[in-house]
Amino acid sequence: MPNVNLSLSEINIYPIKSLRGISKQSATINRTGFQYDRSWMLVDADGKFITQRQYSKLALVDVDITAKQISLHAPGQTGLIVSNAVGKKLMDVQIWSDQCKASVATNEANEWFSEYLSIRCLLVTMANNYQRAVNPDYRSSSNDIVSFADGYPFLLITEASLAALNRRMQEEGSPAVPMKRFRPNLVVKGADAHDEDRWKKIKIGDCVFDVVKPCSRCIIPTINTDTGDKAKEPMKTLLTYRKKDKKVYFGQNLIQEYQPDLSLSVGDTVKIIC
């Protein structure tokens, strides 16, 4: 497959699973994906993960993160700054079919989220030395691990794929939706619509990625990131042309061929290896 003029146009991380993301000009790559990406997650009192699927108002929570602290802001809530350190209190948590050992955040953080969602919930991060394996059916190697992302370290979408979706929606009288509805880590410009479906291995900057699995979509892209309201689109339109085996696919899941001290920057060249 020939290389064309492709480049990285967006880098996004989501420090707390299912909360708002952060757009970055550059980001460090570690064993589980981008540094800080999905490093924290909300769970209910039984340890089961919580997302916008159940509580769409999570789409309205802003997050900032550094090596030392996490800053939180949400409608109707006083802003909060909490530690980004792994604590001593541990618990077992569930994300999809995976059982993980997690460290619980401060009581202050747990109470803040419990008040916002009106349920008892806890903010957790992966316990020290615990590793969550990538699905063995799609992993590149036995060493592939992931954070609290749904299943894979990276999600990639091309600008052209979103543009094609928005054209279809607008032809039917629906407004366009922004890329952030789909929560990608990597956005590529210069490709044709859904070229990413045919990629097997790519190189962005100095990092090589295996394109391992199409991303099946849930209801989260139907949630308005400005209001928290749910709608039929873009799922209604995606069902007309991106449905296969009773699932809707949009974007591709990637696994990095990890090397230490790698990072990516907006503007990096994207090369198709195969």
Protein backbone atom coordinates (compact mmCIF):
# COMPACT_ATOMS: atom_id res chain seq x y z
CA MET A 1 0.00 0.00 0.00
CA PRO A 2 1.63 3.31 -1.05
CA ASN A 3 2.32 6.00 1.51
CA VAL A 4 0.44 9.23 0.88
CA ASN A 5 0.68 12.58 2.64
CA LEU A 6 -0.65 11.51 6.02
CA SER A 7 -0.03 13.24 9.33
CA LEU A 8 -1.21 13.23 12.92
CA SER A 9 -3.70 16.06 13.47
CA GLU A 10 -4.93 15.33 17.00
CA ILE A 11 -3.68 13.68 20.18
CA ASN A 12 -6.22 13.12 22.94
CA ILE A 13 -5.99 11.55 26.38
CA TYR A 14 -8.78 10.72 28.83
CA PRO A 15 -7.26 10.60 32.33
CA ILE A 16 -10.46 9.36 33.98
CA LYS A 17 -12.41 6.85 31.95
CA SER A 18 -15.58 8.31 30.39
CA LEU A 19 -14.93 11.89 31.50
CA ARG A 20 -13.90 14.69 29.16
CA GLY A 21 -10.62 14.36 27.34
CA ILE A 22 -7.60 16.60 27.02
CA SER A 23 -6.21 17.65 23.65
CA LYS A 24 -2.40 17.55 23.60
CA GLN A 25 0.27 18.83 21.24
CA SER A 26 2.53 15.96 22.29
CA ALA A 27 2.29 12.96 24.58
CA THR A 28 4.59 10.30 25.99
CA ILE A 29 3.93 6.64 25.18
CA ASN A 30 4.17 4.00 27.89
CA ARG A 31 3.33 0.30 28.08
CA THR A 32 -0.43 0.87 28.37
CA GLY A 33 -0.83 3.70 25.86
CA PHE A 34 -0.39 7.43 26.28
CA GLN A 35 0.80 8.58 29.69
CA TYR A 36 -2.22 9.21 31.97
CA ASP A 37 -4.75 7.89 29.44
CA ARG A 38 -7.55 6.08 31.30
CA SER A 39 -5.28 5.79 34.32
CA TRP A 40 -8.30 6.34 36.60
CA MET A 41 -11.84 4.98 36.53
CA LEU A 42 -15.08 5.27 38.48
CA VAL A 43 -16.66 2.16 39.99
CA ASP A 44 -19.86 1.57 41.95
CA ALA A 45 -20.02 0.21 45.48
CA ASP A 46 -19.60 -3.33 44.12
CA GLY A 47 -16.48 -2.41 42.15
CA LYS A 48 -18.12 -2.45 38.70
CA PHE A 49 -16.97 0.21 36.27
CA ILE A 50 -19.14 3.27 35.57
CA THR A 51 -19.26 5.14 32.26
CA GLN A 52 -21.39 7.57 30.26
CA ARG A 53 -23.43 4.57 29.15
CA GLN A 54 -25.19 4.66 32.52
CA TYR A 55 -24.53 8.28 33.55
CA SER A 56 -24.37 10.61 30.56
CA LYS A 57 -23.61 13.63 32.78
CA LEU A 58 -20.05 12.29 33.09
CA ALA A 59 -19.56 13.87 29.65
CA LEU A 60 -19.65 17.27 31.37
CA VAL A 61 -16.80 16.70 33.84
CA ASP A 62 -13.54 18.45 33.00
CA VAL A 63 -10.27 16.84 34.07
CA ASP A 64 -6.69 18.06 34.17
CA ILE A 65 -3.80 15.92 35.34
CA THR A 66 -0.15 16.20 36.25
CA ALA A 67 2.27 13.82 37.89
CA LYS A 68 1.13 15.11 41.28
CA GLN A 69 -2.52 16.03 41.05
CA ILE A 70 -5.89 15.76 39.31
CA SER A 71 -8.16 18.81 38.89
CA LEU A 72 -11.91 18.27 38.55
CA HIS A 73 -14.73 20.61 37.51
CA ALA A 74 -18.39 19.77 36.91
CA PRO A 75 -21.69 21.67 36.68
CA GLY A 76 -23.08 22.45 40.13
CA GLN A 77 -19.96 21.19 41.90
CA THR A 78 -17.17 23.08 43.60
CA GLY A 79 -13.89 22.40 41.83
CA LEU A 80 -11.64 19.83 43.44
CA ILE A 81 -7.93 19.03 43.36
CA VAL A 82 -6.84 15.57 44.53
CA SER A 83 -3.65 13.55 44.54
CA ASN A 84 -2.58 11.58 41.47
CA ALA A 85 -0.74 9.11 43.68
CA VAL A 86 -1.57 5.43 44.11
CA GLY A 87 -3.04 5.01 47.59
CA LYS A 88 -2.75 2.18 50.07
CA LYS A 89 -6.41 1.10 50.12
CA LEU A 90 -6.96 -1.67 47.56
CA MET A 91 -10.07 -3.27 46.08
CA ASP A 92 -11.06 -5.65 43.29
CA VAL A 93 -12.77 -3.92 40.37
CA GLN A 94 -14.45 -5.11 37.21
CA ILE A 95 -14.14 -3.60 33.73
CA TRP A 96 -16.06 -5.63 31.18
CA SER A 97 -15.00 -9.23 31.82
CA ASP A 98 -11.67 -8.27 33.42
CA GLN A 99 -11.08 -8.37 37.17
CA CYS A 100 -8.36 -5.93 38.25
CA LYS A 101 -6.66 -4.93 41.46
CA ALA A 102 -7.11 -1.20 42.03
CA SER A 103 -6.10 1.48 44.48
CA VAL A 104 -8.84 3.77 45.85
CA ALA A 105 -8.57 7.56 45.73
CA THR A 106 -9.11 9.86 48.69
CA ASN A 107 -12.47 10.05 50.48
CA GLU A 108 -12.75 13.64 49.25
CA ALA A 109 -12.66 12.51 45.61
CA ASN A 110 -15.10 9.65 46.21
CA GLU A 111 -17.57 11.95 47.96
CA TRP A 112 -17.27 14.52 45.17
CA PHE A 113 -18.23 12.00 42.48
CA SER A 114 -20.87 10.36 44.69
CA GLU A 115 -22.56 13.73 45.13
CA TYR A 116 -22.38 14.50 41.42
CA LEU A 117 -23.87 11.17 40.32
CA SER A 118 -26.19 10.73 43.32
CA ILE A 119 -24.88 7.21 43.88
CA ARG A 120 -22.14 5.72 46.01
CA CYS A 121 -19.06 5.47 43.80
CA LEU A 122 -15.29 5.36 44.07
CA LEU A 123 -12.43 6.73 42.01
CA VAL A 124 -9.74 4.11 41.44
CA THR A 125 -6.42 3.64 39.65
CA MET A 126 -4.55 0.47 38.77
CA ALA A 127 -2.67 -0.91 41.76
CA ASN A 128 1.11 -0.84 41.70
CA ASN A 129 2.59 -3.76 39.74
CA TYR A 130 -0.84 -4.93 38.51
CA GLN A 131 -1.08 -5.45 34.76
CA ARG A 132 -4.26 -5.83 32.72
CA ALA A 133 -3.69 -7.92 29.60
CA VAL A 134 -5.04 -7.07 26.16
CA ASN A 135 -7.58 -9.54 24.77
CA PRO A 136 -5.44 -12.53 23.69
CA ASP A 137 -7.52 -12.94 20.52
CA TYR A 138 -6.18 -9.63 19.18
CA ARG A 139 -2.95 -8.86 20.99
CA SER A 140 0.31 -8.45 19.09
CA SER A 141 2.39 -10.17 21.78
CA SER A 142 1.94 -11.82 25.15
CA ASN A 143 3.35 -8.67 26.78
CA ASP A 144 0.60 -6.32 25.56
CA ILE A 145 -1.17 -4.57 28.43
CA VAL A 146 -3.79 -1.84 28.67
CA SER A 147 -5.03 0.66 31.25
CA PHE A 148 -8.76 1.17 31.96
CA ALA A 149 -9.49 1.78 28.26
CA ASP A 150 -12.24 -0.51 26.96
CA GLY A 151 -9.75 -2.97 25.55
CA TYR A 152 -6.79 -1.55 23.65
CA PRO A 153 -4.12 1.09 24.20
CA PHE A 154 -5.04 3.38 21.29
CA LEU A 155 -8.04 4.32 19.16
CA LEU A 156 -7.43 5.92 15.74
CA ILE A 157 -9.89 7.66 13.41
CA THR A 158 -9.21 9.59 10.21
CA GLU A 159 -10.61 13.07 9.64
CA ALA A 160 -12.06 11.84 6.35
CA SER A 161 -14.11 9.12 8.05
CA LEU A 162 -15.80 11.67 10.28
CA ALA A 163 -16.34 14.03 7.33
CA ALA A 164 -18.02 11.24 5.36
CA LEU A 165 -20.33 10.48 8.29
CA ASN A 166 -21.22 14.14 8.74
CA ARG A 167 -22.03 14.53 5.02
CA ARG A 168 -24.49 11.65 5.24
CA MET A 169 -26.07 13.09 8.38
CA GLN A 170 -26.39 16.58 6.93
CA GLU A 171 -27.97 15.23 3.75
CA GLU A 172 -30.72 13.85 6.00
CA GLY A 173 -31.10 17.13 7.89
CA SER A 174 -29.10 16.27 11.00
CA PRO A 175 -26.26 18.48 12.28
CA ALA A 176 -22.65 17.39 12.09
CA VAL A 177 -21.01 15.90 15.19
CA PRO A 178 -17.50 16.69 16.43
CA MET A 179 -14.67 14.17 16.57
CA LYS A 180 -14.65 14.26 20.37
CA ARG A 181 -17.91 12.29 20.42
CA PHE A 182 -15.88 9.23 19.34
CA ARG A 183 -13.09 9.70 21.90
CA PRO A 184 -10.06 8.83 19.71
CA ASN A 185 -6.49 9.05 20.95
CA LEU A 186 -5.12 9.57 17.44
CA VAL A 187 -6.65 11.48 14.54
CA VAL A 188 -5.04 11.30 11.09
CA LYS A 189 -5.48 13.73 8.22
CA GLY A 190 -4.72 13.22 4.55
CA ALA A 191 -6.40 9.81 4.15
CA ASP A 192 -9.60 8.90 2.34
CA ALA A 193 -12.67 7.93 4.34
CA HIS A 194 -12.20 4.64 6.19
CA ASP A 195 -8.74 4.01 4.81
CA GLU A 196 -7.89 2.96 8.35
CA ASP A 197 -10.04 -0.15 7.83
CA ARG A 198 -7.37 -1.50 5.46
CA TRP A 199 -4.27 -0.68 7.47
CA LYS A 200 -2.46 -3.51 9.27
CA LYS A 201 0.69 -1.80 10.53
CA ILE A 202 1.56 1.90 10.57
CA LYS A 203 4.33 4.15 11.84
CA ILE A 204 3.63 7.52 13.45
CA GLY A 205 6.76 9.49 14.18
CA ASP A 206 9.15 6.89 15.58
CA CYS A 207 6.48 4.52 16.93
CA VAL A 208 5.15 1.47 15.10
CA PHE A 209 1.56 0.40 15.72
CA ASP A 210 -0.30 -2.80 14.89
CA VAL A 211 -3.86 -2.13 13.73
CA VAL A 212 -5.52 -5.04 15.47
CA LYS A 213 -9.29 -4.63 15.51
CA PRO A 214 -12.12 -2.39 14.27
CA CYS A 215 -13.74 -0.43 17.08
CA SER A 216 -17.33 -1.46 17.76
CA ARG A 217 -19.38 1.49 18.94
CA CYS A 218 -21.81 1.86 21.84
CA ILE A 219 -24.20 4.71 22.63
CA ILE A 220 -21.53 7.12 23.90
CA PRO A 221 -21.16 8.97 20.54
CA THR A 222 -24.89 9.82 20.79
CA ILE A 223 -24.25 11.87 23.95
CA ASN A 224 -23.91 15.62 23.44
CA THR A 225 -20.63 16.59 25.11
CA ASP A 226 -21.92 20.12 25.81
CA THR A 227 -25.25 19.17 27.42
CA GLY A 228 -25.06 15.49 28.38
CA ASP A 229 -28.25 14.80 26.40
CA LYS A 230 -28.67 11.63 24.33
CA ALA A 231 -29.98 11.52 20.75
CA LYS A 232 -30.38 9.03 17.90
CA GLU A 233 -27.47 10.37 15.87
CA PRO A 234 -24.84 9.56 14.82
CA MET A 235 -25.75 5.93 15.52
CA LYS A 236 -28.83 6.13 13.30
CA THR A 237 -26.73 7.03 10.27
CA LEU A 238 -23.84 4.70 11.13
CA LEU A 239 -26.29 1.80 11.15
CA THR A 240 -27.04 2.44 7.47
CA TYR A 241 -23.48 1.82 6.25
CA ARG A 242 -21.12 0.72 9.06
CA LYS A 243 -23.01 -2.27 10.44
CA LYS A 244 -21.50 -5.74 10.34
CA ASP A 245 -22.40 -8.85 12.34
CA LYS A 246 -24.95 -6.85 14.38
CA LYS A 247 -22.35 -4.29 15.46
CA VAL A 248 -21.46 -0.81 14.27
CA TYR A 249 -17.77 -0.10 13.59
CA PHE A 250 -16.03 3.26 13.40
CA GLY A 251 -12.29 3.67 13.88
CA GLN A 252 -9.54 1.17 14.62
CA ASN A 253 -7.92 -0.15 17.79
CA LEU A 254 -4.12 -0.05 17.85
CA ILE A 255 -1.35 -1.62 19.93
CA GLN A 256 2.05 0.02 20.02
CA GLU A 257 5.28 -1.90 19.49
CA TYR A 258 6.62 -0.49 22.71
CA GLN A 259 10.04 1.08 23.06
CA PRO A 260 11.08 3.30 25.97
CA ASP A 261 11.37 7.07 25.61
CA LEU A 262 8.98 7.45 22.68
CA SER A 263 6.48 10.26 22.25
CA LEU A 264 4.19 11.58 19.53
CA SER A 265 3.47 15.14 18.45
CA VAL A 266 0.75 16.73 16.36
CA GLY A 267 2.15 17.03 12.83
CA ASP A 268 4.10 13.76 12.96
CA THR A 269 4.17 11.88 9.65
CA VAL A 270 2.02 8.77 9.41
CA LYS A 271 3.41 6.00 7.20
CA ILE A 272 1.51 2.90 6.12
CA ILE A 273 3.75 -0.16 6.44
CA CYS A 274 1.16 -2.69 5.32
